[in-house]
C-alpha atoms as a PDB file:
ATOM      1  CA  MET A   1      -0.094  -0.013   0.082  1.00  0.00           C
ATOM      2  CA  VAL A   2       2.817   2.280   0.775  1.00  0.00           C
ATOM      3  CA  VAL A   3       4.681   1.557  -2.381  1.00  0.00           C
ATOM      4  CA  LEU A   4       1.613   2.165  -4.155  1.00  0.00           C
ATOM      5  CA  LEU A   5       0.945   5.695  -2.364  1.00  0.00           C
ATOM      6  CA  ILE A   6       4.669   6.771  -2.998  1.00  0.00           C
ATOM      7  CA  SER A   7       4.299   5.817  -6.766  1.00  0.00           C
ATOM      8  CA  PHE A   8       1.024   7.669  -7.215  1.00  0.00           C
ATOM      9  CA  VAL A   9       2.573  10.868  -5.722  1.00  0.00           C
ATOM     10  CA  GLY A  10       5.352  10.354  -7.900  1.00  0.00           C
ATOM     11  CA  SER A  11       3.635  10.178 -10.753  1.00  0.00           C
ATOM     12  CA  GLU A  12       1.252  13.311 -10.175  1.00  0.00           C
ATOM     13  CA  VAL A  13       4.686  15.381  -9.210  1.00  0.00           C
ATOM     14  CA  LEU A  14       5.945  14.076 -12.620  1.00  0.00           C
ATOM     15  CA  ARG A  15       2.887  15.273 -14.500  1.00  0.00           C
ATOM     16  CA  ALA A  16       2.792  18.420 -12.839  1.00  0.00           C
ATOM     17  CA  ALA A  17       6.591  18.955 -13.642  1.00  0.00           C
ATOM     18  CA  GLU A  18       5.702  18.031 -17.165  1.00  0.00           C
ATOM     19  CA  TYR A  19       2.972  20.431 -17.387  1.00  0.00           C
ATOM     20  CA  PRO A  20       2.033  22.394 -19.251  1.00  0.00           C
ATOM     21  CA  SER A  21       3.500  20.808 -22.668  1.00  0.00           C
ATOM     22  CA  LYS A  22       0.661  22.263 -24.887  1.00  0.00           C
ATOM     23  CA  PRO A  23      -1.375  25.459 -24.993  1.00  0.00           C
ATOM     24  CA  VAL A  24      -4.371  25.735 -22.285  1.00  0.00           C
ATOM     25  CA  THR A  25      -7.803  26.521 -23.060  1.00  0.00           C
ATOM     26  CA  LEU A  26      -9.673  29.192 -20.956  1.00  0.00           C
ATOM     27  CA  ILE A  27     -13.594  29.064 -21.159  1.00  0.00           C
ATOM     28  CA  VAL A  28     -14.987  32.459 -20.605  1.00  0.00           C
ATOM     29  CA  PRO A  29     -18.873  31.747 -20.030  1.00  0.00           C
ATOM     30  CA  SER A  30     -20.030  34.918 -21.098  1.00  0.00           C
ATOM     31  CA  GLY A  31     -20.484  37.107 -24.348  1.00  0.00           C
ATOM     32  CA  PRO A  32     -17.717  39.037 -26.107  1.00  0.00           C
ATOM     33  CA  GLY A  33     -17.039  42.619 -24.244  1.00  0.00           C
ATOM     34  CA  SER A  34     -18.046  41.267 -21.028  1.00  0.00           C
ATOM     35  CA  ALA A  35     -15.844  42.758 -18.077  1.00  0.00           C
ATOM     36  CA  THR A  36     -14.814  39.161 -17.686  1.00  0.00           C
ATOM     37  CA  ASP A  37     -13.689  38.711 -21.300  1.00  0.00           C
ATOM     38  CA  ILE A  38     -11.718  41.879 -21.256  1.00  0.00           C
ATOM     39  CA  LEU A  39     -10.102  41.088 -17.706  1.00  0.00           C
ATOM     40  CA  MET A  40      -8.721  37.447 -18.724  1.00  0.00           C
ATOM     41  CA  ARG A  41      -7.495  38.745 -22.189  1.00  0.00           C
ATOM     42  CA  ALA A  42      -5.479  41.155 -20.338  1.00  0.00           C
ATOM     43  CA  VAL A  43      -4.304  38.795 -18.023  1.00  0.00           C
ATOM     44  CA  THR A  44      -3.563  35.810 -20.491  1.00  0.00           C
ATOM     45  CA  SER A  45      -1.580  38.058 -22.965  1.00  0.00           C
ATOM     46  CA  VAL A  46       1.416  37.322 -21.477  1.00  0.00           C
ATOM     47  CA  ALA A  47       0.838  33.676 -20.220  1.00  0.00           C
ATOM     48  CA  ALA A  48       3.533  32.371 -22.198  1.00  0.00           C
ATOM     49  CA  ASP A  49       5.979  34.385 -20.388  1.00  0.00           C
ATOM     50  CA  TYR A  50       5.182  32.464 -17.215  1.00  0.00           C
ATOM     51  CA  LEU A  51       3.382  29.221 -17.454  1.00  0.00           C
ATOM     52  CA  GLY A  52       5.400  28.334 -20.578  1.00  0.00           C
ATOM     53  CA  GLN A  53       2.593  28.258 -22.882  1.00  0.00           C
ATOM     54  CA  PRO A  54      -0.218  30.283 -24.197  1.00  0.00           C
ATOM     55  CA  ILE A  55      -3.685  30.535 -22.956  1.00  0.00           C
ATOM     56  CA  ILE A  56      -6.301  30.289 -25.530  1.00  0.00           C
ATOM     57  CA  VAL A  57      -9.610  32.548 -24.502  1.00  0.00           C
ATOM     58  CA  LYS A  58     -12.716  30.497 -25.809  1.00  0.00           C
ATOM     59  CA  LEU A  59     -16.052  32.260 -25.331  1.00  0.00           C
ATOM     60  CA  VAL A  60     -19.163  29.920 -24.368  1.00  0.00           C
ATOM     61  CA  PRO A  61     -21.826  32.425 -23.599  1.00  0.00           C
ATOM     62  CA  GLY A  62     -25.326  30.909 -22.614  1.00  0.00           C
ATOM     63  CA  GLY A  63     -27.366  30.016 -19.897  1.00  0.00           C
ATOM     64  CA  GLY A  64     -26.250  32.751 -17.887  1.00  0.00           C
ATOM     65  CA  GLY A  65     -22.799  31.195 -17.707  1.00  0.00           C
ATOM     66  CA  ALA A  66     -23.932  27.579 -17.017  1.00  0.00           C
ATOM     67  CA  ILE A  67     -23.070  26.308 -20.268  1.00  0.00           C
ATOM     68  CA  GLY A  68     -19.414  27.202 -20.179  1.00  0.00           C
ATOM     69  CA  SER A  69     -19.431  26.135 -16.598  1.00  0.00           C
ATOM     70  CA  ASP A  70     -20.718  22.669 -17.172  1.00  0.00           C
ATOM     71  CA  GLN A  71     -18.579  22.121 -19.783  1.00  0.00           C
ATOM     72  CA  VAL A  72     -15.277  22.725 -17.685  1.00  0.00           C
ATOM     73  CA  ALA A  73     -16.762  20.719 -14.762  1.00  0.00           C
ATOM     74  CA  LYS A  74     -17.027  17.818 -17.409  1.00  0.00           C
ATOM     75  CA  ALA A  75     -13.448  18.217 -18.924  1.00  0.00           C
ATOM     76  CA  PRO A  76     -10.320  16.164 -17.798  1.00  0.00           C
ATOM     77  CA  ALA A  77      -8.693  16.897 -15.134  1.00  0.00           C
ATOM     78  CA  ASP A  78      -5.494  17.755 -16.526  1.00  0.00           C
ATOM     79  CA  GLY A  79      -5.018  21.293 -16.354  1.00  0.00           C
ATOM     80  CA  TYR A  80      -5.754  22.122 -19.856  1.00  0.00           C
ATOM     81  CA  THR A  81      -9.199  23.325 -19.636  1.00  0.00           C
ATOM     82  CA  LEU A  82      -9.704  26.202 -17.280  1.00  0.00           C
ATOM     83  CA  LEU A  83     -12.956  28.199 -16.018  1.00  0.00           C
ATOM     84  CA  ALA A  84     -12.978  32.003 -16.090  1.00  0.00           C
ATOM     85  CA  GLY A  85     -15.421  31.878 -12.781  1.00  0.00           C
ATOM     86  CA  SER A  86     -17.523  34.854 -11.425  1.00  0.00           C
ATOM     87  CA  SER A  87     -19.822  35.246  -8.360  1.00  0.00           C
ATOM     88  CA  ALA A  88     -22.462  35.123 -10.688  1.00  0.00           C
ATOM     89  CA  TRP A  89     -22.149  31.777 -12.513  1.00  0.00           C
ATOM     90  CA  SER A  90     -20.008  29.850 -10.143  1.00  0.00           C
ATOM     91  CA  THR A  91     -21.951  31.286  -6.824  1.00  0.00           C
ATOM     92  CA  GLY A  92     -25.225  32.578  -7.463  1.00  0.00           C
ATOM     93  CA  LEU A  93     -26.976  30.337 -10.137  1.00  0.00           C
ATOM     94  CA  PRO A  94     -25.395  26.943  -8.477  1.00  0.00           C
ATOM     95  CA  ALA A  95     -26.412  28.199  -4.956  1.00  0.00           C
ATOM     96  CA  ILE A  96     -29.907  29.694  -5.701  1.00  0.00           C
ATOM     97  CA  GLU A  97     -31.156  27.916  -8.810  1.00  0.00           C
ATOM     98  CA  GLY A  98     -28.981  24.684  -8.914  1.00  0.00           C
ATOM     99  CA  ARG A  99     -28.009  25.579 -12.073  1.00  0.00           C
ATOM    100  CA  SER A 100     -24.289  25.715 -13.096  1.00  0.00           C
ATOM    101  CA  LYS A 101     -21.380  24.397 -11.162  1.00  0.00           C
ATOM    102  CA  GLY A 102     -20.044  25.482  -7.863  1.00  0.00           C
ATOM    103  CA  PRO A 103     -17.671  24.462  -5.163  1.00  0.00           C
ATOM    104  CA  ASP A 104     -19.115  20.817  -5.355  1.00  0.00           C
ATOM    105  CA  ASP A 105     -17.890  20.379  -8.920  1.00  0.00           C
ATOM    106  CA  LEU A 106     -15.032  22.731  -9.496  1.00  0.00           C
ATOM    107  CA  VAL A 107     -11.664  23.832  -7.621  1.00  0.00           C
ATOM    108  CA  PRO A 108     -10.208  27.085  -7.305  1.00  0.00           C
ATOM    109  CA  VAL A 109      -6.986  28.211  -8.506  1.00  0.00           C
ATOM    110  CA  CYS A 110      -7.016  31.899  -7.802  1.00  0.00           C
ATOM    111  CA  ARG A 111      -9.366  34.803  -7.585  1.00  0.00           C
ATOM    112  CA  ILE A 112      -8.013  37.663  -9.986  1.00  0.00           C
ATOM    113  CA  ASN A 113      -9.760  40.800  -8.693  1.00  0.00           C
ATOM    114  CA  TYR A 114     -13.142  41.924  -7.741  1.00  0.00           C
ATOM    115  CA  SER A 115     -15.244  45.147  -9.025  1.00  0.00           C
ATOM    116  CA  PRO A 116     -17.902  47.149  -7.297  1.00  0.00           C
ATOM    117  CA  THR A 117     -21.270  47.552  -8.944  1.00  0.00           C
ATOM    118  CA  LEU A 118     -21.824  51.462 -11.284  1.00  0.00           C
ATOM    119  CA  ILE A 119     -25.616  52.108 -11.486  1.00  0.00           C
ATOM    120  CA  ILE A 120     -26.022  53.928 -14.784  1.00  0.00           C
ATOM    121  CA  ALA A 121     -28.912  55.648 -16.683  1.00  0.00           C
ATOM    122  CA  LYS A 122     -29.246  56.265 -20.426  1.00  0.00           C
ATOM    123  CA  PRO A 123     -28.560  59.957 -20.882  1.00  0.00           C
ATOM    124  CA  ASP A 124     -32.130  61.399 -21.575  1.00  0.00           C
ATOM    125  CA  ALA A 125     -33.632  59.281 -18.403  1.00  0.00           C
ATOM    126  CA  PRO A 126     -35.985  61.312 -16.703  1.00  0.00           C
ATOM    127  CA  PHE A 127     -33.373  61.517 -13.392  1.00  0.00           C
ATOM    128  CA  LYS A 128     -29.908  62.439 -12.916  1.00  0.00           C
ATOM    129  CA  THR A 129     -29.105  60.909  -9.573  1.00  0.00           C
ATOM    130  CA  TYR A 130     -29.866  58.072  -7.726  1.00  0.00           C
ATOM    131  CA  LYS A 131     -32.434  60.199  -5.536  1.00  0.00           C
ATOM    132  CA  GLN A 132     -34.456  61.371  -8.490  1.00  0.00           C
ATOM    133  CA  MET A 133     -34.335  57.676  -9.734  1.00  0.00           C
ATOM    134  CA  MET A 134     -35.933  56.514  -6.716  1.00  0.00           C
ATOM    135  CA  ASP A 135     -38.298  59.328  -6.526  1.00  0.00           C
ATOM    136  CA  TRP A 136     -39.195  58.725 -10.399  1.00  0.00           C
ATOM    137  CA  MET A 137     -39.740  55.171  -9.786  1.00  0.00           C
ATOM    138  CA  LYS A 138     -42.158  55.132  -7.201  1.00  0.00           C
ATOM    139  CA  ALA A 139     -44.274  57.738  -8.890  1.00  0.00           C
ATOM    140  CA  ASN A 140     -44.398  55.898 -12.173  1.00  0.00           C
ATOM    141  CA  PRO A 141     -43.974  52.252 -10.896  1.00  0.00           C
ATOM    142  CA  GLY A 142     -43.358  49.534 -13.415  1.00  0.00           C
ATOM    143  CA  LYS A 143     -42.289  51.986 -16.403  1.00  0.00           C
ATOM    144  CA  LEU A 144     -38.666  51.920 -15.882  1.00  0.00           C
ATOM    145  CA  THR A 145     -36.981  48.850 -17.717  1.00  0.00           C
ATOM    146  CA  ALA A 146     -33.479  47.962 -16.240  1.00  0.00           C
ATOM    147  CA  GLY A 147     -30.822  45.336 -17.445  1.00  0.00           C
ATOM    148  CA  ASN A 148     -28.980  42.926 -16.123  1.00  0.00           C
ATOM    149  CA  PRO A 149     -26.312  40.232 -17.185  1.00  0.00           C
ATOM    150  CA  GLY A 150     -28.250  36.865 -16.478  1.00  0.00           C
ATOM    151  CA  PRO A 151     -30.396  35.107 -13.311  1.00  0.00           C
ATOM    152  CA  TRP A 152     -28.775  35.713 -10.002  1.00  0.00           C
ATOM    153  CA  THR A 153     -25.642  37.588 -11.127  1.00  0.00           C
ATOM    154  CA  PRO A 154     -24.713  40.550  -8.990  1.00  0.00           C
ATOM    155  CA  PRO A 155     -26.684  43.232 -10.589  1.00  0.00           C
ATOM    156  CA  ASP A 156     -29.776  41.035 -11.137  1.00  0.00           C
ATOM    157  CA  VAL A 157     -29.408  40.520  -7.307  1.00  0.00           C
ATOM    158  CA  VAL A 158     -28.974  44.291  -6.651  1.00  0.00           C
ATOM    159  CA  PHE A 159     -31.993  45.140  -8.726  1.00  0.00           C
ATOM    160  CA  LYS A 160     -34.249  42.395  -6.892  1.00  0.00           C
ATOM    161  CA  TYR A 161     -32.607  43.985  -3.656  1.00  0.00           C
ATOM    162  CA  LEU A 162     -33.364  47.393  -4.474  1.00  0.00           C
ATOM    163  CA  MET A 163     -37.167  46.664  -5.229  1.00  0.00           C
ATOM    164  CA  LYS A 164     -37.353  44.574  -2.226  1.00  0.00           C
ATOM    165  CA  ALA A 165     -35.735  47.054   0.211  1.00  0.00           C
ATOM    166  CA  THR A 166     -37.459  50.333  -1.075  1.00  0.00           C
ATOM    167  CA  GLY A 167     -40.708  49.269  -2.510  1.00  0.00           C
ATOM    168  CA  ALA A 168     -39.672  50.505  -6.067  1.00  0.00           C
ATOM    169  CA  SER A 169     -41.223  48.475  -8.857  1.00  0.00           C
ATOM    170  CA  PHE A 170     -39.570  48.412 -12.060  1.00  0.00           C
ATOM    171  CA  LYS A 171     -38.784  45.751 -15.044  1.00  0.00           C
ATOM    172  CA  ASN A 172     -35.434  43.827 -14.455  1.00  0.00           C
ATOM    173  CA  VAL A 173     -34.750  42.124 -17.704  1.00  0.00           C
ATOM    174  CA  PRO A 174     -32.069  39.579 -18.224  1.00  0.00           C
ATOM    175  CA  PHE A 175     -29.566  39.714 -21.081  1.00  0.00           C
ATOM    176  CA  GLN A 176     -26.482  37.096 -22.015  1.00  0.00           C
ATOM    177  CA  GLY A 177     -23.918  39.075 -20.449  1.00  0.00           C
ATOM    178  CA  GLY A 178     -22.912  42.467 -19.727  1.00  0.00           C
ATOM    179  CA  GLY A 179     -21.406  43.516 -23.292  1.00  0.00           C
ATOM    180  CA  GLU A 180     -25.282  42.821 -24.596  1.00  0.00           C
ATOM    181  CA  VAL A 181     -26.830  45.037 -21.593  1.00  0.00           C
ATOM    182  CA  THR A 182     -24.368  47.734 -22.423  1.00  0.00           C
ATOM    183  CA  VAL A 183     -25.201  47.991 -25.837  1.00  0.00           C
ATOM    184  CA  ALA A 184     -29.390  47.577 -25.385  1.00  0.00           C
ATOM    185  CA  LEU A 185     -28.517  50.742 -23.113  1.00  0.00           C
ATOM    186  CA  LEU A 186     -26.414  52.538 -25.752  1.00  0.00           C
ATOM    187  CA  GLY A 187     -29.542  51.838 -28.312  1.00  0.00           C
ATOM    188  CA  GLY A 188     -31.941  53.453 -25.908  1.00  0.00           C
ATOM    189  CA  HIS A 189     -33.757  50.401 -25.371  1.00  0.00           C
ATOM    190  CA  LEU A 190     -33.104  50.034 -21.713  1.00  0.00           C
ATOM    191  CA  ASP A 191     -33.274  52.988 -19.042  1.00  0.00           C
ATOM    192  CA  LEU A 192     -31.375  51.790 -16.236  1.00  0.00           C
ATOM    193  CA  ALA A 193     -28.211  49.057 -15.909  1.00  0.00           C
ATOM    194  CA  THR A 194     -25.211  48.435 -14.303  1.00  0.00           C
ATOM    195  CA  ALA A 195     -21.362  48.218 -15.068  1.00  0.00           C
ATOM    196  CA  ILE A 196     -17.974  47.846 -13.455  1.00  0.00           C
ATOM    197  CA  PRO A 197     -15.227  50.502 -13.896  1.00  0.00           C
ATOM    198  CA  SER A 198     -13.657  48.542 -16.641  1.00  0.00           C
ATOM    199  CA  MET A 199     -17.033  48.619 -18.849  1.00  0.00           C
ATOM    200  CA  ALA A 200     -17.767  52.002 -17.553  1.00  0.00           C
ATOM    201  CA  MET A 201     -14.333  53.735 -17.973  1.00  0.00           C
ATOM    202  CA  PRO A 202     -14.255  54.192 -22.035  1.00  0.00           C
ATOM    203  CA  TYR A 203     -17.778  56.039 -21.611  1.00  0.00           C
ATOM    204  CA  LYS A 204     -16.342  58.250 -19.008  1.00  0.00           C
ATOM    205  CA  GLY A 205     -16.673  62.142 -19.836  1.00  0.00           C
ATOM    206  CA  THR A 206     -18.816  60.929 -23.527  1.00  0.00           C
ATOM    207  CA  GLY A 207     -22.275  61.854 -22.176  1.00  0.00           C
ATOM    208  CA  LYS A 208     -23.641  58.716 -23.306  1.00  0.00           C
ATOM    209  CA  PHE A 209     -24.512  57.292 -19.847  1.00  0.00           C
ATOM    210  CA  THR A 210     -25.273  59.274 -16.522  1.00  0.00           C
ATOM    211  CA  PHE A 211     -23.623  57.644 -13.816  1.00  0.00           C
ATOM    212  CA  LEU A 212     -25.730  57.244 -10.683  1.00  0.00           C
ATOM    213  CA  LEU A 213     -24.278  55.447  -7.992  1.00  0.00           C
ATOM    214  CA  PHE A 214     -21.074  53.065  -6.672  1.00  0.00           C
ATOM    215  CA  LEU A 215     -22.325  50.200  -4.650  1.00  0.00           C
ATOM    216  CA  ASP A 216     -19.399  50.500  -2.537  1.00  0.00           C
ATOM    217  CA  GLU A 217     -17.824  51.861   0.802  1.00  0.00           C
ATOM    218  CA  LYS A 218     -15.409  54.540  -0.463  1.00  0.00           C
ATOM    219  CA  ARG A 219     -15.801  56.410  -3.796  1.00  0.00           C
ATOM    220  CA  HIS A 220     -13.714  54.842  -6.596  1.00  0.00           C
ATOM    221  CA  PRO A 221     -10.630  56.739  -7.538  1.00  0.00           C
ATOM    222  CA  ASP A 222     -11.821  56.733 -11.460  1.00  0.00           C
ATOM    223  CA  PHE A 223     -15.303  58.097 -10.598  1.00  0.00           C
ATOM    224  CA  PRO A 224     -14.539  60.444  -7.524  1.00  0.00           C
ATOM    225  CA  ASP A 225     -17.718  62.414  -8.259  1.00  0.00           C
ATOM    226  CA  VAL A 226     -20.450  59.518  -7.846  1.00  0.00           C
ATOM    227  CA  PRO A 227     -21.480  58.775  -4.495  1.00  0.00           C
ATOM    228  CA  THR A 228     -21.615  55.578  -2.911  1.00  0.00           C
ATOM    229  CA  GLY A 229     -24.264  53.351  -1.698  1.00  0.00           C
ATOM    230  CA  SER A 230     -23.192  54.028   1.955  1.00  0.00           C
ATOM    231  CA  GLU A 231     -23.729  57.726   1.264  1.00  0.00           C
ATOM    232  CA  GLU A 232     -27.236  57.437  -0.159  1.00  0.00           C
ATOM    233  CA  GLY A 233     -28.453  55.481   2.802  1.00  0.00           C
ATOM    234  CA  LEU A 234     -28.212  51.853   1.756  1.00  0.00           C
ATOM    235  CA  ASP A 235     -27.073  49.097   3.816  1.00  0.00           C
ATOM    236  CA  LYS A 236     -23.703  47.074   3.749  1.00  0.00           C
ATOM    237  CA  GLY A 237     -25.558  44.112   2.336  1.00  0.00           C
ATOM    238  CA  ILE A 238     -26.276  45.619  -1.099  1.00  0.00           C
ATOM    239  CA  ASN A 239     -22.517  46.707  -1.284  1.00  0.00           C
ATOM    240  CA  THR A 240     -21.418  43.235  -0.878  1.00  0.00           C
ATOM    241  CA  LEU A 241     -23.848  41.862  -3.409  1.00  0.00           C
ATOM    242  CA  GLY A 242     -22.858  44.347  -6.059  1.00  0.00           C
ATOM    243  CA  CYS A 243     -19.303  43.290  -5.762  1.00  0.00           C
ATOM    244  CA  ALA A 244     -18.298  40.704  -8.440  1.00  0.00           C
ATOM    245  CA  TRP A 245     -15.155  38.391  -8.333  1.00  0.00           C
ATOM    246  CA  ARG A 246     -13.563  36.738 -11.235  1.00  0.00           C
ATOM    247  CA  GLY A 247     -11.039  33.967 -10.988  1.00  0.00           C
ATOM    248  CA  ILE A 248      -9.668  30.816 -12.325  1.00  0.00           C
ATOM    249  CA  LEU A 249     -11.456  27.863 -11.687  1.00  0.00           C
ATOM    250  CA  VAL A 250     -10.536  23.890 -12.842  1.00  0.00           C
ATOM    251  CA  PRO A 251     -12.290  20.527 -12.748  1.00  0.00           C
ATOM    252  CA  LYS A 252     -12.723  18.804  -9.574  1.00  0.00           C
ATOM    253  CA  GLY A 253      -9.790  15.858  -9.396  1.00  0.00           C
ATOM    254  CA  THR A 254      -7.285  18.429 -10.709  1.00  0.00           C
ATOM    255  CA  SER A 255      -3.959  17.520  -8.950  1.00  0.00           C
ATOM    256  CA  ALA A 256      -2.499  20.075  -6.122  1.00  0.00           C
ATOM    257  CA  PRO A 257       0.651  20.216  -8.186  1.00  0.00           C
ATOM    258  CA  ILE A 258      -0.858  21.459 -10.950  1.00  0.00           C
ATOM    259  CA  ILE A 259      -3.370  23.687  -9.238  1.00  0.00           C
ATOM    260  CA  GLU A 260      -0.283  25.093  -7.685  1.00  0.00           C
ATOM    261  CA  HIS A 261       1.850  25.810 -10.812  1.00  0.00           C
ATOM    262  CA  LEU A 262      -1.169  27.482 -12.472  1.00  0.00           C
ATOM    263  CA  ALA A 263      -1.782  29.899  -9.146  1.00  0.00           C
ATOM    264  CA  VAL A 264       1.944  30.681  -9.169  1.00  0.00           C
ATOM    265  CA  ALA A 265       1.918  31.680 -12.958  1.00  0.00           C
ATOM    266  CA  PHE A 266      -1.398  33.728 -12.675  1.00  0.00           C
ATOM    267  CA  LYS A 267      -0.026  35.688  -9.664  1.00  0.00           C
ATOM    268  CA  LYS A 268       3.030  36.400 -11.800  1.00  0.00           C
ATOM    269  CA  MET A 269       0.624  37.332 -14.873  1.00  0.00           C
ATOM    270  CA  THR A 270      -1.076  39.706 -12.353  1.00  0.00           C
ATOM    271  CA  GLU A 271       1.758  41.461 -11.291  1.00  0.00           C
ATOM    272  CA  ASP A 272       3.218  41.717 -15.007  1.00  0.00           C
ATOM    273  CA  LYS A 273       3.630  45.935 -15.627  1.00  0.00           C
ATOM    274  CA  SER A 274       2.095  45.502 -19.052  1.00  0.00           C
ATOM    275  CA  VAL A 275      -1.020  43.791 -17.750  1.00  0.00           C
ATOM    276  CA  GLN A 276      -1.437  46.270 -14.853  1.00  0.00           C
ATOM    277  CA  GLY A 277      -1.160  49.145 -17.079  1.00  0.00           C
ATOM    278  CA  ILE A 278      -3.932  47.987 -19.260  1.00  0.00           C
ATOM    279  CA  LEU A 279      -6.106  47.055 -16.305  1.00  0.00           C
ATOM    280  CA  GLN A 280      -5.318  50.414 -14.725  1.00  0.00           C
ATOM    281  CA  LYS A 281      -6.260  52.340 -17.847  1.00  0.00           C
ATOM    282  CA  ALA A 282      -9.663  49.921 -17.968  1.00  0.00           C
ATOM    283  CA  GLY A 283     -10.361  51.130 -14.375  1.00  0.00           C
ATOM    284  CA  GLU A 284      -9.954  47.762 -12.973  1.00  0.00           C
ATOM    285  CA  ARG A 285      -7.652  46.700  -9.660  1.00  0.00           C
ATOM    286  CA  ILE A 286      -5.988  43.222  -9.140  1.00  0.00           C
ATOM    287  CA  TYR A 287      -7.047  41.712  -5.848  1.00  0.00           C
ATOM    288  CA  TYR A 288      -5.225  38.333  -5.965  1.00  0.00           C
ATOM    289  CA  LEU A 289      -6.161  35.329  -3.327  1.00  0.00           C
ATOM    290  CA  GLY A 290      -4.176  31.961  -3.723  1.00  0.00           C
ATOM    291  CA  PRO A 291      -6.055  28.524  -3.776  1.00  0.00           C
ATOM    292  CA  GLU A 292      -6.890  28.343   0.097  1.00  0.00           C
ATOM    293  CA  GLU A 293      -7.759  31.961   0.788  1.00  0.00           C
ATOM    294  CA  PHE A 294      -9.668  31.926  -2.483  1.00  0.00           C
ATOM    295  CA  ARG A 295     -11.701  28.821  -1.460  1.00  0.00           C
ATOM    296  CA  LYS A 296     -12.764  30.108   2.066  1.00  0.00           C
ATOM    297  CA  VAL A 297     -14.204  33.348   0.365  1.00  0.00           C
ATOM    298  CA  TRP A 298     -16.041  31.659  -2.227  1.00  0.00           C
ATOM    299  CA  GLN A 299     -17.171  28.989   0.187  1.00  0.00           C
ATOM    300  CA  ALA A 300     -18.358  31.807   2.357  1.00  0.00           C
ATOM    301  CA  GLU A 301     -19.787  33.493  -0.289  1.00  0.00           C
ATOM    302  CA  TYR A 302     -21.829  30.510  -1.291  1.00  0.00           C
ATOM    303  CA  GLU A 303     -23.388  29.576   1.761  1.00  0.00           C
ATOM    304  CA  ALA A 304     -24.566  33.475   2.074  1.00  0.00           C
ATOM    305  CA  TYR A 305     -26.235  33.045  -1.740  1.00  0.00           C
ATOM    306  CA  LYS A 306     -27.901  29.678  -0.716  1.00  0.00           C
ATOM    307  CA  ASP A 307     -29.687  31.953   2.187  1.00  0.00           C
ATOM    308  CA  LEU A 308     -30.285  34.578  -0.141  1.00  0.00           C
ATOM    309  CA  GLY A 309     -32.430  32.258  -2.514  1.00  0.00           C
ATOM    310  CA  LYS A 310     -34.437  31.254   0.586  1.00  0.00           C
ATOM    311  CA  LEU A 311     -35.124  35.008   1.447  1.00  0.00           C
ATOM    312  CA  TYR A 312     -36.260  35.857  -2.030  1.00  0.00           C
ATOM    313  CA  LYS A 313     -38.231  32.471  -2.993  1.00  0.00           C
ATOM    314  CA  LYS A 314     -40.220  33.244   0.504  1.00  0.00           C
END
């Protein structure tokens, strides 16, 4: 038995030493131009320098992220198929609806960052501030149309929360990714949407959006004139729900040496000056967590979303 165990451990270490011997595929389960797509392309642009092989980004949108997540969970646990995970399809959907894949089916490699949610409106909306928006919605129940990137994504949860907490009534329409929501808002098909800094930065100062509110404790350095949820009297719960993390996940059964190899490589990618320059211009910040720290954060969030689902389904 001891000989077999030593042999098994030795083979795992040998495979990790040889890994990777070919390009790695990273599944991004959202549409083109989404925040996750933008972030992952920036980070993996230097993958060959730190992993020894390129990482090929493959978009697999659909099902709010469930289709791509399921595909990765069923892939061989050999480190060659990765998932760009997020609190949307890796926490919200599996915890609340039992769809997509969560901590029971995937293993964390690292968290790359998280982003606070920015509530934005079309420029000709009949309000220019968050308070004006709430007053208008209460005076015109059901008339406002908001867009979200999919069921139980942080933006969807934020809009559900606003309706429940304030008594306001409006249409909350799901799309297949943040990119589609942005296009719909630009086209005047929506009154309200959300964005994260990387998606909002290109429109700063253009007049194409009205920036109403940041769901965070402190004002964002790139949007210093936009008030926070705390300033507008919203509780800390919505700030937490409005923060979306993005990280790297792999199929259950992936060996610890390969996970560690990937984690170290991704940490170096996020520390690369060219990557940080790209992300800073896009309004994103790196908040890296390694496998064990990330696992604890993800599991705690997963349990919190389960409780949230019970509350909204009552």
